[in-house]
Amino acid sequence: MNGLIANIDKVHTTELGIEQIRRNLELETQDVVNWCKQQIIKSNQHSQKGKNWYVYVDDIKITINTHSFTIITAHREKIKEIIRGKP
């Protein structure tokens, strides 16, 4: 996770990714990438599995590629899945 925080300025996503994240999380903000960066910074629950980081904040899971720093997706998780630690 330190690698992700150290490279937070590289975190980005595609136009389609922005729309998907906005829809999945019902966000009203226009700056989805900055919103995700703030969530990543404040998170204290995360994991890395294979080529992805999984960042958990409240009931949200953000998936980020470890090599490109691309936000792949973000969506709401069921609390039970978070507790069990499912990425």
C-alpha atoms as a PDB file:
ATOM      1  CA  MET A   1       0.000   0.000   0.000  1.00  0.00           C
ATOM      2  CA  ASN A   2       2.923   2.339   0.634  1.00  0.00           C
ATOM      3  CA  GLY A   3       3.715   2.060  -3.081  1.00  0.00           C
ATOM      4  CA  LEU A   4       0.200   3.174  -3.891  1.00  0.00           C
ATOM      5  CA  ILE A   5       0.282   6.132  -1.517  1.00  0.00           C
ATOM      6  CA  ALA A   6       3.765   7.124  -2.710  1.00  0.00           C
ATOM      7  CA  ASN A   7       2.436   7.173  -6.275  1.00  0.00           C
ATOM      8  CA  ILE A   8      -1.010   8.614  -5.580  1.00  0.00           C
ATOM      9  CA  ASP A   9      -0.415  11.283  -8.238  1.00  0.00           C
ATOM     10  CA  LYS A  10      -0.256   8.500 -10.879  1.00  0.00           C
ATOM     11  CA  VAL A  11      -3.696   7.104  -9.996  1.00  0.00           C
ATOM     12  CA  HIS A  12      -6.101   7.601 -12.884  1.00  0.00           C
ATOM     13  CA  THR A  13      -8.901   5.924 -14.811  1.00  0.00           C
ATOM     14  CA  THR A  14     -10.557   6.050 -18.215  1.00  0.00           C
ATOM     15  CA  GLU A  15     -13.621   8.070 -19.210  1.00  0.00           C
ATOM     16  CA  LEU A  16     -15.666   4.867 -19.127  1.00  0.00           C
ATOM     17  CA  GLY A  17     -14.184   4.084 -15.717  1.00  0.00           C
ATOM     18  CA  ILE A  18     -15.274   7.477 -14.419  1.00  0.00           C
ATOM     19  CA  GLU A  19     -18.855   6.874 -15.539  1.00  0.00           C
ATOM     20  CA  GLN A  20     -18.897   3.335 -14.138  1.00  0.00           C
ATOM     21  CA  ILE A  21     -17.554   4.430 -10.746  1.00  0.00           C
ATOM     22  CA  ARG A  22     -19.950   7.385 -10.588  1.00  0.00           C
ATOM     23  CA  ARG A  23     -22.873   5.054 -11.373  1.00  0.00           C
ATOM     24  CA  ASN A  24     -21.745   2.235  -9.028  1.00  0.00           C
ATOM     25  CA  LEU A  25     -21.237   4.564  -6.064  1.00  0.00           C
ATOM     26  CA  GLU A  26     -23.984   7.047  -6.951  1.00  0.00           C
ATOM     27  CA  LEU A  27     -21.479   9.907  -6.790  1.00  0.00           C
ATOM     28  CA  GLU A  28     -22.438  13.453  -7.638  1.00  0.00           C
ATOM     29  CA  THR A  29     -18.889  14.796  -7.857  1.00  0.00           C
ATOM     30  CA  GLN A  30     -17.422  15.532 -11.276  1.00  0.00           C
ATOM     31  CA  ASP A  31     -13.873  14.728 -10.095  1.00  0.00           C
ATOM     32  CA  VAL A  32     -14.225  11.003  -9.513  1.00  0.00           C
ATOM     33  CA  VAL A  33     -10.478  10.332  -9.656  1.00  0.00           C
ATOM     34  CA  ASN A  34      -9.730  12.884  -6.936  1.00  0.00           C
ATOM     35  CA  TRP A  35     -12.588  11.484  -4.831  1.00  0.00           C
ATOM     36  CA  CYS A  36     -11.082   7.981  -5.158  1.00  0.00           C
ATOM     37  CA  LYS A  37      -7.603   9.287  -4.291  1.00  0.00           C
ATOM     38  CA  GLN A  38      -8.972  10.827  -1.094  1.00  0.00           C
ATOM     39  CA  GLN A  39     -10.628   7.527  -0.177  1.00  0.00           C
ATOM     40  CA  ILE A  40      -7.360   5.648  -0.830  1.00  0.00           C
ATOM     41  CA  ILE A  41      -5.430   8.048   1.406  1.00  0.00           C
ATOM     42  CA  LYS A  42      -7.889   7.777   4.292  1.00  0.00           C
ATOM     43  CA  SER A  43      -8.233   3.973   4.079  1.00  0.00           C
ATOM     44  CA  ASN A  44      -6.554   1.756   6.638  1.00  0.00           C
ATOM     45  CA  GLN A  45      -7.845  -1.506   5.176  1.00  0.00           C
ATOM     46  CA  HIS A  46      -6.284  -2.773   1.967  1.00  0.00           C
ATOM     47  CA  SER A  47      -4.726  -5.789   0.336  1.00  0.00           C
ATOM     48  CA  GLN A  48      -2.708  -6.681  -2.711  1.00  0.00           C
ATOM     49  CA  LYS A  49      -3.515  -9.821  -4.618  1.00  0.00           C
ATOM     50  CA  GLY A  50      -1.795 -10.533  -7.902  1.00  0.00           C
ATOM     51  CA  LYS A  51      -1.772  -7.480 -10.107  1.00  0.00           C
ATOM     52  CA  ASN A  52      -4.316  -5.445  -8.119  1.00  0.00           C
ATOM     53  CA  TRP A  53      -4.614  -3.439  -4.941  1.00  0.00           C
ATOM     54  CA  TYR A  54      -7.961  -3.631  -3.162  1.00  0.00           C
ATOM     55  CA  VAL A  55      -8.725  -0.622  -0.990  1.00  0.00           C
ATOM     56  CA  TYR A  56     -11.652  -0.721   1.442  1.00  0.00           C
ATOM     57  CA  VAL A  57     -13.279   2.379   2.881  1.00  0.00           C
ATOM     58  CA  ASP A  58     -16.554   2.045   4.782  1.00  0.00           C
ATOM     59  CA  ASP A  59     -18.608  -0.191   2.466  1.00  0.00           C
ATOM     60  CA  ILE A  60     -16.656   0.670  -0.708  1.00  0.00           C
ATOM     61  CA  LYS A  61     -14.014  -1.415  -2.472  1.00  0.00           C
ATOM     62  CA  ILE A  62     -11.715   0.318  -4.973  1.00  0.00           C
ATOM     63  CA  THR A  63      -9.665  -1.903  -7.282  1.00  0.00           C
ATOM     64  CA  ILE A  64      -6.428  -0.443  -8.692  1.00  0.00           C
ATOM     65  CA  ASN A  65      -3.890  -2.045 -11.043  1.00  0.00           C
ATOM     66  CA  THR A  66      -0.478  -2.214  -9.331  1.00  0.00           C
ATOM     67  CA  HIS A  67       1.531  -1.531 -12.488  1.00  0.00           C
ATOM     68  CA  SER A  68      -0.441   1.186 -14.277  1.00  0.00           C
ATOM     69  CA  PHE A  69      -2.140   2.782 -11.226  1.00  0.00           C
ATOM     70  CA  THR A  70      -5.430   2.620 -13.142  1.00  0.00           C
ATOM     71  CA  ILE A  71      -8.596   2.510 -11.061  1.00  0.00           C
ATOM     72  CA  ILE A  72     -10.301  -0.531 -12.540  1.00  0.00           C
ATOM     73  CA  THR A  73     -13.549  -0.263 -10.635  1.00  0.00           C
ATOM     74  CA  ALA A  74     -15.147   0.822  -7.392  1.00  0.00           C
ATOM     75  CA  HIS A  75     -18.344  -0.456  -5.901  1.00  0.00           C
ATOM     76  CA  ARG A  76     -20.199  -0.987  -2.670  1.00  0.00           C
ATOM     77  CA  GLU A  77     -19.493  -4.192  -0.783  1.00  0.00           C
ATOM     78  CA  LYS A  78     -21.620  -6.139   1.598  1.00  0.00           C
ATOM     79  CA  ILE A  79     -20.273  -5.774   5.137  1.00  0.00           C
ATOM     80  CA  LYS A  80     -19.883  -9.560   5.567  1.00  0.00           C
ATOM     81  CA  GLU A  81     -17.537  -9.754   2.547  1.00  0.00           C
ATOM     82  CA  ILE A  82     -15.367  -6.974   3.943  1.00  0.00           C
ATOM     83  CA  ILE A  83     -15.102  -8.676   7.325  1.00  0.00           C
ATOM     84  CA  ARG A  84     -14.130 -11.958   5.707  1.00  0.00           C
ATOM     85  CA  GLY A  85     -11.461 -10.095   3.732  1.00  0.00           C
ATOM     86  CA  LYS A  86     -12.623 -11.100   0.269  1.00  0.00           C
ATOM     87  CA  PRO A  87     -10.876  -8.973  -2.374  1.00  0.00           C
END
